[in-house]
Amino acid sequence: MSSEAHPSGKPRAEPGRAHGHDGEFGCCPTCGHDLDRHDRHIRFRLPDPVLELPDRESTAGLWMTGPTPDASVMMQVPRLGAFVRVLLPIELTAGYTLTYGLWLAIDPRELTHIFEIWYAPEYPGLVVNGWLANAIEPWGLLASPVVATVRDADQTPYCARSSDPLLDRVLHERWPHELFLDELGRA
């Protein structure tokens, strides 16, 4: 897992980019941790709506918590909205897990509060309400409502539940690993 920058020097762990994507299971080039063929990670660099902008992360007035989208846990884009990083774990058959590091669109009025809590002792009680800002294949799910909560004080919040029936199933059911591992490279 890669670590997000954290002002106190204590990182919030988050999955790296497409762990195991090339079929080799040595060390992650992002964070240096051992790769596990049964615990795959895919990290979206930008929210899908930002990808559609001509200048993407170079858009005038865009604010991020880090120097790049990869090092950021929050972002705000003028006339587009505010985004927070979250984790979306998917339990697969045969003991596999696939965790997406993605962006959640939030009410921009909540960004200051989330920022203040993110780096404070109150972080474990943080609850983030928003909408998926990245499509998740094979379901899509872009803009599905979701509630993210903190499972571990040293990690990014996890998607916990959704009022969208399909997303709630994705979060709570086990899915055939063949749907994903054929795309990522077999274990």
N, C-alpha and C. Protein backbone atom coordinates (compact mmCIF):
# COMPACT_ATOMS: atom_id res chain seq x y z
N MET A 1 0.84 -1.18 0.00
CA MET A 1 0.00 0.00 0.00
C MET A 1 0.88 1.24 0.00
N SER A 2 0.42 2.26 -0.67
CA SER A 2 1.17 3.50 -0.68
C SER A 2 0.68 4.39 0.44
N SER A 3 1.46 5.37 0.79
CA SER A 3 1.09 6.27 1.87
C SER A 3 0.79 7.64 1.32
N GLU A 4 -0.25 8.24 1.83
CA GLU A 4 -0.60 9.60 1.49
C GLU A 4 0.21 10.53 2.39
N ALA A 5 0.52 11.70 1.89
CA ALA A 5 1.21 12.70 2.71
C ALA A 5 0.31 13.11 3.85
N HIS A 6 0.87 13.30 4.99
CA HIS A 6 0.09 13.66 6.17
C HIS A 6 0.87 14.72 6.93
N PRO A 7 0.28 15.87 7.23
CA PRO A 7 1.02 16.97 7.86
C PRO A 7 1.74 16.59 9.14
N SER A 8 1.20 15.66 9.91
CA SER A 8 1.85 15.31 11.17
C SER A 8 3.01 14.35 10.94
N GLY A 9 3.24 13.94 9.70
CA GLY A 9 4.29 12.97 9.40
C GLY A 9 3.79 11.55 9.47
N LYS A 10 2.60 11.35 9.97
CA LYS A 10 2.02 10.01 10.06
C LYS A 10 1.12 9.81 8.84
N PRO A 11 1.48 8.89 7.93
CA PRO A 11 0.70 8.74 6.71
C PRO A 11 -0.61 8.01 6.93
N ARG A 12 -1.55 8.27 6.04
CA ARG A 12 -2.77 7.48 5.96
C ARG A 12 -2.52 6.51 4.81
N ALA A 13 -2.53 5.22 5.09
CA ALA A 13 -2.24 4.22 4.07
C ALA A 13 -3.38 4.12 3.07
N GLU A 14 -3.02 3.89 1.83
CA GLU A 14 -4.00 3.72 0.77
C GLU A 14 -3.40 2.82 -0.29
N PRO A 15 -4.23 2.01 -0.95
CA PRO A 15 -3.70 1.15 -2.00
C PRO A 15 -2.98 1.95 -3.07
N GLY A 16 -2.01 1.31 -3.68
CA GLY A 16 -1.26 1.92 -4.79
C GLY A 16 -1.94 1.68 -6.12
N ARG A 17 -1.25 1.99 -7.19
CA ARG A 17 -1.80 1.86 -8.53
C ARG A 17 -1.72 0.41 -8.99
N ALA A 18 -2.84 -0.17 -9.30
CA ALA A 18 -2.95 -1.47 -9.96
C ALA A 18 -1.93 -2.48 -9.48
N HIS A 19 -1.85 -2.72 -8.19
CA HIS A 19 -0.94 -3.73 -7.67
C HIS A 19 -1.17 -5.04 -8.40
N GLY A 20 -0.09 -5.65 -8.84
CA GLY A 20 -0.19 -6.94 -9.50
C GLY A 20 -0.67 -6.86 -10.93
N HIS A 21 -0.87 -5.67 -11.45
CA HIS A 21 -1.44 -5.51 -12.78
C HIS A 21 -0.61 -6.19 -13.86
N ASP A 22 0.71 -6.17 -13.73
CA ASP A 22 1.55 -6.75 -14.77
C ASP A 22 1.83 -8.23 -14.53
N GLY A 23 1.20 -8.83 -13.52
CA GLY A 23 1.37 -10.25 -13.27
C GLY A 23 2.60 -10.57 -12.44
N GLU A 24 3.41 -9.59 -12.11
CA GLU A 24 4.58 -9.82 -11.27
C GLU A 24 4.22 -9.45 -9.85
N PHE A 25 4.69 -10.25 -8.88
CA PHE A 25 4.30 -10.02 -7.50
C PHE A 25 5.51 -9.78 -6.62
N GLY A 26 6.37 -8.86 -7.02
CA GLY A 26 7.51 -8.47 -6.21
C GLY A 26 7.09 -7.38 -5.24
N CYS A 27 7.69 -6.20 -5.41
CA CYS A 27 7.37 -5.05 -4.56
C CYS A 27 6.63 -4.01 -5.38
N CYS A 28 5.74 -3.31 -4.72
CA CYS A 28 5.00 -2.22 -5.36
C CYS A 28 5.96 -1.07 -5.67
N PRO A 29 5.98 -0.58 -6.92
CA PRO A 29 6.86 0.54 -7.25
C PRO A 29 6.44 1.84 -6.58
N THR A 30 5.19 1.94 -6.11
CA THR A 30 4.71 3.14 -5.46
C THR A 30 5.12 3.20 -4.00
N CYS A 31 4.94 2.08 -3.28
CA CYS A 31 5.15 2.13 -1.83
C CYS A 31 6.23 1.18 -1.33
N GLY A 32 6.64 0.21 -2.14
CA GLY A 32 7.68 -0.72 -1.73
C GLY A 32 7.20 -1.93 -0.96
N HIS A 33 5.91 -2.00 -0.62
CA HIS A 33 5.38 -3.17 0.09
C HIS A 33 5.29 -4.36 -0.84
N ASP A 34 5.36 -5.56 -0.26
CA ASP A 34 5.19 -6.78 -1.04
C ASP A 34 3.81 -6.81 -1.67
N LEU A 35 3.76 -7.29 -2.91
CA LEU A 35 2.48 -7.45 -3.59
C LEU A 35 1.92 -8.83 -3.26
N ASP A 36 0.62 -8.91 -3.13
CA ASP A 36 -0.07 -10.14 -2.78
C ASP A 36 -1.03 -10.47 -3.90
N ARG A 37 -0.87 -11.64 -4.50
CA ARG A 37 -1.73 -12.02 -5.62
C ARG A 37 -3.19 -12.13 -5.22
N HIS A 38 -3.51 -12.24 -3.94
CA HIS A 38 -4.89 -12.35 -3.51
C HIS A 38 -5.49 -11.03 -3.04
N ASP A 39 -4.69 -9.99 -2.96
CA ASP A 39 -5.16 -8.70 -2.48
C ASP A 39 -4.72 -7.64 -3.47
N ARG A 40 -5.54 -7.41 -4.49
CA ARG A 40 -5.20 -6.48 -5.57
C ARG A 40 -5.70 -5.09 -5.25
N HIS A 41 -4.98 -4.09 -5.77
CA HIS A 41 -5.33 -2.69 -5.53
C HIS A 41 -5.26 -1.91 -6.84
N ILE A 42 -6.25 -1.08 -7.05
CA ILE A 42 -6.28 -0.19 -8.21
C ILE A 42 -6.59 1.20 -7.68
N ARG A 43 -5.79 2.16 -8.09
CA ARG A 43 -5.96 3.53 -7.58
C ARG A 43 -6.23 4.47 -8.74
N PHE A 44 -7.33 5.18 -8.67
CA PHE A 44 -7.66 6.17 -9.68
C PHE A 44 -6.89 7.45 -9.38
N ARG A 45 -6.26 8.00 -10.40
CA ARG A 45 -5.44 9.20 -10.22
C ARG A 45 -6.30 10.45 -10.04
N LEU A 46 -7.39 10.55 -10.81
CA LEU A 46 -8.26 11.72 -10.79
C LEU A 46 -9.73 11.30 -10.77
N PRO A 47 -10.60 12.14 -10.27
CA PRO A 47 -12.03 11.88 -10.42
C PRO A 47 -12.40 11.94 -11.91
N ASP A 48 -13.35 11.11 -12.32
CA ASP A 48 -13.75 11.10 -13.74
C ASP A 48 -14.14 12.47 -14.27
N PRO A 49 -14.90 13.30 -13.53
CA PRO A 49 -15.25 14.63 -14.06
C PRO A 49 -14.02 15.51 -14.31
N VAL A 50 -12.97 15.35 -13.53
CA VAL A 50 -11.74 16.13 -13.73
C VAL A 50 -11.01 15.64 -14.98
N LEU A 51 -11.08 14.34 -15.25
CA LEU A 51 -10.46 13.79 -16.46
C LEU A 51 -11.05 14.39 -17.72
N GLU A 52 -12.29 14.83 -17.65
CA GLU A 52 -12.97 15.41 -18.81
C GLU A 52 -12.61 16.87 -19.05
N LEU A 53 -11.94 17.51 -18.09
CA LEU A 53 -11.54 18.91 -18.26
C LEU A 53 -10.33 18.99 -19.19
N PRO A 54 -10.25 20.01 -20.03
CA PRO A 54 -9.13 20.12 -20.96
C PRO A 54 -7.76 20.16 -20.25
N ASP A 55 -7.69 20.83 -19.09
CA ASP A 55 -6.40 20.95 -18.39
C ASP A 55 -6.28 20.02 -17.19
N ARG A 56 -7.26 19.16 -17.00
CA ARG A 56 -7.27 18.19 -15.90
C ARG A 56 -6.79 18.80 -14.59
N GLU A 57 -5.71 18.26 -13.99
CA GLU A 57 -5.25 18.77 -12.70
C GLU A 57 -4.53 20.12 -12.82
N SER A 58 -4.32 20.59 -14.03
CA SER A 58 -3.71 21.91 -14.22
C SER A 58 -4.77 22.99 -14.40
N THR A 59 -6.02 22.67 -14.19
CA THR A 59 -7.12 23.63 -14.32
C THR A 59 -6.89 24.81 -13.37
N ALA A 60 -7.08 26.01 -13.88
CA ALA A 60 -6.89 27.21 -13.08
C ALA A 60 -7.76 27.17 -11.83
N GLY A 61 -7.16 27.45 -10.68
CA GLY A 61 -7.89 27.51 -9.42
C GLY A 61 -8.07 26.17 -8.72
N LEU A 62 -7.62 25.09 -9.32
CA LEU A 62 -7.75 23.77 -8.69
C LEU A 62 -6.86 23.72 -7.45
N TRP A 63 -7.42 23.22 -6.36
CA TRP A 63 -6.71 23.08 -5.09
C TRP A 63 -6.61 21.60 -4.74
N MET A 64 -5.43 21.15 -4.28
CA MET A 64 -5.21 19.78 -3.82
C MET A 64 -4.44 19.83 -2.51
N THR A 65 -4.58 18.78 -1.71
CA THR A 65 -3.84 18.72 -0.45
C THR A 65 -2.38 18.39 -0.65
N GLY A 66 -2.00 17.90 -1.80
CA GLY A 66 -0.60 17.57 -2.08
C GLY A 66 -0.15 18.22 -3.38
N PRO A 67 1.11 18.01 -3.75
CA PRO A 67 1.63 18.63 -4.97
C PRO A 67 1.10 17.99 -6.25
N THR A 68 0.60 16.76 -6.17
CA THR A 68 0.06 16.05 -7.33
C THR A 68 -1.22 15.32 -6.90
N PRO A 69 -2.03 14.88 -7.87
CA PRO A 69 -3.21 14.09 -7.50
C PRO A 69 -2.84 12.80 -6.77
N ASP A 70 -1.72 12.20 -7.14
CA ASP A 70 -1.29 10.96 -6.49
C ASP A 70 -0.96 11.17 -5.01
N ALA A 71 -0.51 12.34 -4.65
CA ALA A 71 -0.13 12.64 -3.27
C ALA A 71 -1.23 13.37 -2.51
N SER A 72 -2.41 13.49 -3.12
CA SER A 72 -3.50 14.26 -2.53
C SER A 72 -4.62 13.35 -2.02
N VAL A 73 -5.27 13.80 -0.95
CA VAL A 73 -6.44 13.10 -0.43
C VAL A 73 -7.71 13.93 -0.59
N MET A 74 -7.54 15.20 -0.97
CA MET A 74 -8.68 16.08 -1.21
C MET A 74 -8.35 17.00 -2.38
N MET A 75 -9.41 17.44 -3.05
CA MET A 75 -9.24 18.34 -4.18
C MET A 75 -10.53 19.14 -4.35
N GLN A 76 -10.37 20.38 -4.80
CA GLN A 76 -11.53 21.20 -5.14
C GLN A 76 -11.25 21.86 -6.48
N VAL A 77 -12.27 21.81 -7.36
CA VAL A 77 -12.13 22.33 -8.71
C VAL A 77 -13.22 23.37 -8.93
N PRO A 78 -12.83 24.60 -9.31
CA PRO A 78 -13.84 25.64 -9.53
C PRO A 78 -14.92 25.18 -10.50
N ARG A 79 -16.15 25.50 -10.17
CA ARG A 79 -17.34 25.20 -10.97
C ARG A 79 -17.56 23.70 -11.20
N LEU A 80 -16.78 22.85 -10.55
CA LEU A 80 -16.96 21.40 -10.70
C LEU A 80 -17.30 20.75 -9.38
N GLY A 81 -16.55 21.08 -8.32
CA GLY A 81 -16.87 20.53 -7.02
C GLY A 81 -15.67 20.11 -6.21
N ALA A 82 -15.95 19.43 -5.10
CA ALA A 82 -14.93 18.98 -4.15
C ALA A 82 -14.92 17.45 -4.12
N PHE A 83 -13.73 16.90 -3.86
CA PHE A 83 -13.54 15.45 -3.90
C PHE A 83 -12.64 15.01 -2.75
N VAL A 84 -12.90 13.81 -2.25
CA VAL A 84 -12.13 13.21 -1.16
C VAL A 84 -11.79 11.78 -1.56
N ARG A 85 -10.58 11.34 -1.22
CA ARG A 85 -10.19 9.94 -1.48
C ARG A 85 -10.87 9.00 -0.50
N VAL A 86 -11.29 7.86 -1.02
CA VAL A 86 -11.86 6.79 -0.20
C VAL A 86 -11.42 5.45 -0.79
N LEU A 87 -11.67 4.39 -0.04
CA LEU A 87 -11.37 3.04 -0.49
C LEU A 87 -12.67 2.28 -0.68
N LEU A 88 -12.73 1.49 -1.73
CA LEU A 88 -13.89 0.66 -2.00
C LEU A 88 -13.42 -0.78 -2.16
N PRO A 89 -13.54 -1.60 -1.11
CA PRO A 89 -13.11 -2.99 -1.19
C PRO A 89 -14.19 -3.87 -1.79
N ILE A 90 -13.79 -4.82 -2.61
CA ILE A 90 -14.72 -5.78 -3.19
C ILE A 90 -14.21 -7.17 -2.84
N GLU A 91 -15.05 -7.93 -2.15
CA GLU A 91 -14.68 -9.29 -1.79
C GLU A 91 -14.96 -10.20 -2.97
N LEU A 92 -13.94 -10.98 -3.36
CA LEU A 92 -14.05 -11.89 -4.49
C LEU A 92 -13.97 -13.34 -4.01
N THR A 93 -14.43 -14.25 -4.83
CA THR A 93 -14.34 -15.67 -4.51
C THR A 93 -12.88 -16.12 -4.47
N ALA A 94 -12.67 -17.30 -3.95
CA ALA A 94 -11.35 -17.95 -3.88
C ALA A 94 -10.36 -17.17 -3.01
N GLY A 95 -10.87 -16.37 -2.07
CA GLY A 95 -10.01 -15.66 -1.14
C GLY A 95 -9.37 -14.40 -1.69
N TYR A 96 -9.83 -13.89 -2.81
CA TYR A 96 -9.29 -12.68 -3.41
C TYR A 96 -10.04 -11.45 -2.91
N THR A 97 -9.34 -10.32 -2.92
CA THR A 97 -9.93 -9.02 -2.62
C THR A 97 -9.42 -8.03 -3.66
N LEU A 98 -10.28 -7.14 -4.08
CA LEU A 98 -9.90 -6.06 -4.98
C LEU A 98 -10.33 -4.76 -4.31
N THR A 99 -9.38 -3.87 -4.06
CA THR A 99 -9.69 -2.60 -3.40
C THR A 99 -9.39 -1.45 -4.35
N TYR A 100 -10.41 -0.64 -4.59
CA TYR A 100 -10.25 0.54 -5.42
C TYR A 100 -9.96 1.74 -4.52
N GLY A 101 -8.92 2.49 -4.84
CA GLY A 101 -8.66 3.78 -4.24
C GLY A 101 -9.26 4.80 -5.19
N LEU A 102 -10.36 5.39 -4.80
CA LEU A 102 -11.07 6.26 -5.73
C LEU A 102 -11.45 7.58 -5.08
N TRP A 103 -12.12 8.39 -5.85
CA TRP A 103 -12.54 9.71 -5.39
C TRP A 103 -14.03 9.72 -5.13
N LEU A 104 -14.42 10.43 -4.10
CA LEU A 104 -15.81 10.62 -3.74
C LEU A 104 -16.12 12.10 -3.93
N ALA A 105 -17.15 12.41 -4.71
CA ALA A 105 -17.61 13.80 -4.84
C ALA A 105 -18.40 14.13 -3.57
N ILE A 106 -18.11 15.28 -2.99
CA ILE A 106 -18.79 15.68 -1.75
C ILE A 106 -19.40 17.06 -1.94
N ASP A 107 -20.27 17.42 -1.02
CA ASP A 107 -20.81 18.77 -0.99
C ASP A 107 -19.63 19.70 -0.67
N PRO A 108 -19.32 20.66 -1.53
CA PRO A 108 -18.17 21.54 -1.30
C PRO A 108 -18.20 22.26 0.05
N ARG A 109 -19.39 22.47 0.60
CA ARG A 109 -19.50 23.12 1.91
C ARG A 109 -18.94 22.24 3.03
N GLU A 110 -18.76 20.95 2.78
CA GLU A 110 -18.23 20.01 3.77
C GLU A 110 -16.71 19.90 3.74
N LEU A 111 -16.08 20.42 2.70
CA LEU A 111 -14.64 20.22 2.52
C LEU A 111 -13.81 20.77 3.68
N THR A 112 -14.09 21.97 4.15
CA THR A 112 -13.31 22.55 5.25
C THR A 112 -13.42 21.70 6.51
N HIS A 113 -14.63 21.26 6.82
CA HIS A 113 -14.84 20.40 8.00
C HIS A 113 -14.07 19.08 7.86
N ILE A 114 -14.16 18.45 6.69
CA ILE A 114 -13.45 17.18 6.47
C ILE A 114 -11.95 17.40 6.58
N PHE A 115 -11.44 18.48 6.00
CA PHE A 115 -10.01 18.78 6.07
C PHE A 115 -9.57 18.93 7.52
N GLU A 116 -10.33 19.67 8.31
CA GLU A 116 -9.97 19.89 9.72
C GLU A 116 -9.97 18.59 10.52
N ILE A 117 -10.94 17.73 10.27
CA ILE A 117 -11.05 16.45 10.99
C ILE A 117 -9.98 15.46 10.52
N TRP A 118 -9.66 15.47 9.22
CA TRP A 118 -8.74 14.50 8.62
C TRP A 118 -7.41 14.43 9.37
N TYR A 119 -6.94 15.57 9.80
CA TYR A 119 -5.62 15.64 10.44
C TYR A 119 -5.71 15.87 11.95
N ALA A 120 -6.86 15.56 12.53
CA ALA A 120 -7.07 15.81 13.96
C ALA A 120 -7.34 14.48 14.69
N PRO A 121 -7.26 14.51 16.01
CA PRO A 121 -7.55 13.30 16.79
C PRO A 121 -8.97 12.75 16.56
N GLU A 122 -9.88 13.59 16.08
CA GLU A 122 -11.27 13.16 15.84
C GLU A 122 -11.42 12.35 14.55
N TYR A 123 -10.34 12.19 13.78
CA TYR A 123 -10.41 11.49 12.48
C TYR A 123 -11.13 10.14 12.54
N PRO A 124 -10.89 9.28 13.54
CA PRO A 124 -11.58 7.98 13.55
C PRO A 124 -13.11 8.07 13.54
N GLY A 125 -13.68 9.19 13.92
CA GLY A 125 -15.12 9.37 13.91
C GLY A 125 -15.66 10.01 12.63
N LEU A 126 -14.78 10.28 11.67
CA LEU A 126 -15.19 10.95 10.44
C LEU A 126 -16.16 10.09 9.63
N VAL A 127 -17.24 10.70 9.18
CA VAL A 127 -18.19 10.08 8.26
C VAL A 127 -18.30 11.02 7.06
N VAL A 128 -18.09 10.48 5.86
CA VAL A 128 -18.13 11.27 4.63
C VAL A 128 -19.30 10.79 3.78
N ASN A 129 -20.20 11.70 3.48
CA ASN A 129 -21.32 11.40 2.58
C ASN A 129 -21.02 11.99 1.22
N GLY A 130 -21.24 11.21 0.17
CA GLY A 130 -20.97 11.72 -1.16
C GLY A 130 -21.44 10.78 -2.25
N TRP A 131 -20.82 10.92 -3.41
CA TRP A 131 -21.18 10.16 -4.60
C TRP A 131 -19.90 9.68 -5.27
N LEU A 132 -19.88 8.45 -5.76
CA LEU A 132 -18.68 7.94 -6.43
C LEU A 132 -18.32 8.85 -7.59
N ALA A 133 -17.06 9.27 -7.64
CA ALA A 133 -16.58 10.15 -8.70
C ALA A 133 -15.74 9.40 -9.71
N ASN A 134 -15.71 8.07 -9.60
CA ASN A 134 -15.05 7.20 -10.58
C ASN A 134 -15.99 6.05 -10.90
N ALA A 135 -16.07 5.69 -12.18
CA ALA A 135 -16.87 4.53 -12.58
C ALA A 135 -16.09 3.26 -12.22
N ILE A 136 -16.81 2.26 -11.75
CA ILE A 136 -16.21 0.99 -11.35
C ILE A 136 -16.76 -0.10 -12.27
N GLU A 137 -15.90 -0.67 -13.09
CA GLU A 137 -16.33 -1.74 -14.00
C GLU A 137 -16.40 -3.05 -13.25
N PRO A 138 -17.33 -3.90 -13.57
CA PRO A 138 -18.25 -3.87 -14.72
C PRO A 138 -19.58 -3.17 -14.44
N TRP A 139 -19.73 -2.54 -13.29
CA TRP A 139 -21.03 -2.00 -12.90
C TRP A 139 -21.28 -0.56 -13.31
N GLY A 140 -20.24 0.22 -13.50
CA GLY A 140 -20.42 1.66 -13.73
C GLY A 140 -20.43 2.37 -12.40
N LEU A 141 -21.61 2.66 -11.86
CA LEU A 141 -21.83 3.22 -10.53
C LEU A 141 -21.40 4.67 -10.35
N LEU A 142 -20.94 5.33 -11.40
CA LEU A 142 -20.57 6.74 -11.29
C LEU A 142 -21.74 7.53 -10.73
N ALA A 143 -21.48 8.36 -9.75
CA ALA A 143 -22.46 9.23 -9.08
C ALA A 143 -23.40 8.48 -8.14
N SER A 144 -23.10 7.22 -7.83
CA SER A 144 -23.91 6.49 -6.85
C SER A 144 -23.63 7.05 -5.46
N PRO A 145 -24.67 7.24 -4.66
CA PRO A 145 -24.48 7.76 -3.30
C PRO A 145 -23.80 6.73 -2.42
N VAL A 146 -22.94 7.21 -1.52
CA VAL A 146 -22.23 6.31 -0.62
C VAL A 146 -21.86 7.04 0.66
N VAL A 147 -21.75 6.27 1.73
CA VAL A 147 -21.28 6.77 3.02
C VAL A 147 -19.95 6.07 3.28
N ALA A 148 -18.91 6.86 3.56
CA ALA A 148 -17.59 6.31 3.87
C ALA A 148 -17.27 6.59 5.34
N THR A 149 -16.68 5.59 5.98
CA THR A 149 -16.31 5.71 7.39
C THR A 149 -14.86 5.26 7.59
N VAL A 150 -14.29 5.64 8.71
CA VAL A 150 -12.91 5.28 9.02
C VAL A 150 -12.90 3.93 9.75
N ARG A 151 -12.20 2.96 9.19
CA ARG A 151 -12.04 1.66 9.84
C ARG A 151 -10.79 1.61 10.69
N ASP A 152 -9.78 2.35 10.25
CA ASP A 152 -8.47 2.35 10.89
C ASP A 152 -7.97 3.79 10.85
N ALA A 153 -7.52 4.31 11.98
CA ALA A 153 -7.09 5.71 12.06
C ALA A 153 -5.90 6.02 11.17
N ASP A 154 -5.19 5.00 10.70
CA ASP A 154 -4.04 5.22 9.82
C ASP A 154 -4.37 4.99 8.35
N GLN A 155 -5.65 4.82 8.02
CA GLN A 155 -6.04 4.57 6.64
C GLN A 155 -7.10 5.55 6.17
N THR A 156 -7.18 5.67 4.86
CA THR A 156 -8.20 6.46 4.20
C THR A 156 -9.58 5.85 4.53
N PRO A 157 -10.65 6.66 4.59
CA PRO A 157 -11.98 6.11 4.86
C PRO A 157 -12.41 5.06 3.81
N TYR A 158 -13.22 4.12 4.26
CA TYR A 158 -13.75 3.06 3.41
C TYR A 158 -15.22 3.31 3.09
N CYS A 159 -15.61 3.01 1.85
CA CYS A 159 -17.03 3.03 1.51
C CYS A 159 -17.70 1.95 2.36
N ALA A 160 -18.73 2.33 3.10
CA ALA A 160 -19.36 1.41 4.05
C ALA A 160 -20.76 0.97 3.62
N ARG A 161 -21.53 1.89 3.06
CA ARG A 161 -22.89 1.55 2.69
C ARG A 161 -23.40 2.55 1.65
N SER A 162 -24.47 2.14 0.97
CA SER A 162 -25.04 3.00 -0.05
C SER A 162 -26.54 2.80 -0.12
N SER A 163 -27.26 3.87 -0.44
CA SER A 163 -28.70 3.76 -0.68
C SER A 163 -28.97 3.25 -2.09
N ASP A 164 -27.94 3.19 -2.94
CA ASP A 164 -28.06 2.59 -4.26
C ASP A 164 -27.99 1.07 -4.10
N PRO A 165 -29.04 0.33 -4.48
CA PRO A 165 -29.05 -1.11 -4.26
C PRO A 165 -27.87 -1.86 -4.88
N LEU A 166 -27.46 -1.49 -6.09
CA LEU A 166 -26.35 -2.19 -6.73
C LEU A 166 -25.03 -1.92 -6.01
N LEU A 167 -24.75 -0.67 -5.69
CA LEU A 167 -23.51 -0.36 -4.98
C LEU A 167 -23.50 -1.03 -3.61
N ASP A 168 -24.63 -1.06 -2.93
CA ASP A 168 -24.66 -1.73 -1.63
C ASP A 168 -24.37 -3.23 -1.79
N ARG A 169 -24.86 -3.84 -2.86
CA ARG A 169 -24.52 -5.26 -3.15
C ARG A 169 -23.03 -5.41 -3.41
N VAL A 170 -22.46 -4.50 -4.19
CA VAL A 170 -21.02 -4.56 -4.49
C VAL A 170 -20.22 -4.52 -3.19
N LEU A 171 -20.66 -3.69 -2.26
CA LEU A 171 -19.95 -3.55 -0.99
C LEU A 171 -20.12 -4.74 -0.04
N HIS A 172 -21.20 -5.48 -0.17
CA HIS A 172 -21.51 -6.49 0.84
C HIS A 172 -21.61 -7.93 0.34
N GLU A 173 -21.51 -8.15 -0.96
CA GLU A 173 -21.57 -9.51 -1.49
C GLU A 173 -20.20 -9.95 -2.01
N ARG A 174 -20.04 -11.23 -2.21
CA ARG A 174 -18.82 -11.80 -2.79
C ARG A 174 -19.06 -11.98 -4.29
N TRP A 175 -18.06 -11.59 -5.10
CA TRP A 175 -18.18 -11.60 -6.55
C TRP A 175 -17.19 -12.59 -7.15
N PRO A 176 -17.50 -13.17 -8.32
CA PRO A 176 -16.59 -14.13 -8.97
C PRO A 176 -15.26 -13.47 -9.32
N HIS A 177 -14.17 -14.03 -8.81
CA HIS A 177 -12.86 -13.42 -9.05
C HIS A 177 -12.48 -13.41 -10.52
N GLU A 178 -13.04 -14.32 -11.31
CA GLU A 178 -12.72 -14.36 -12.75
C GLU A 178 -13.13 -13.09 -13.47
N LEU A 179 -14.18 -12.40 -12.97
CA LEU A 179 -14.60 -11.14 -13.58
C LEU A 179 -13.48 -10.11 -13.60
N PHE A 180 -12.64 -10.14 -12.58
CA PHE A 180 -11.62 -9.10 -12.40
C PHE A 180 -10.22 -9.60 -12.73
N LEU A 181 -9.89 -10.81 -12.34
CA LEU A 181 -8.52 -11.29 -12.50
C LEU A 181 -8.14 -11.52 -13.95
N ASP A 182 -9.11 -11.85 -14.81
CA ASP A 182 -8.79 -11.96 -16.24
C ASP A 182 -8.32 -10.62 -16.77
N GLU A 183 -8.93 -9.55 -16.28
CA GLU A 183 -8.54 -8.20 -16.70
C GLU A 183 -7.21 -7.78 -16.09
N LEU A 184 -6.95 -8.14 -14.84
CA LEU A 184 -5.75 -7.70 -14.14
C LEU A 184 -4.55 -8.61 -14.35
N GLY A 185 -4.77 -9.79 -14.90
CA GLY A 185 -3.68 -10.75 -15.02
C GLY A 185 -3.85 -11.80 -13.94
N ARG A 186 -3.95 -13.01 -14.35
CA ARG A 186 -4.22 -14.12 -13.42
C ARG A 186 -3.15 -14.27 -12.35
N ALA A 187 -3.62 -14.74 -11.20
CA ALA A 187 -2.72 -15.02 -10.08
C ALA A 187 -2.03 -16.34 -10.32
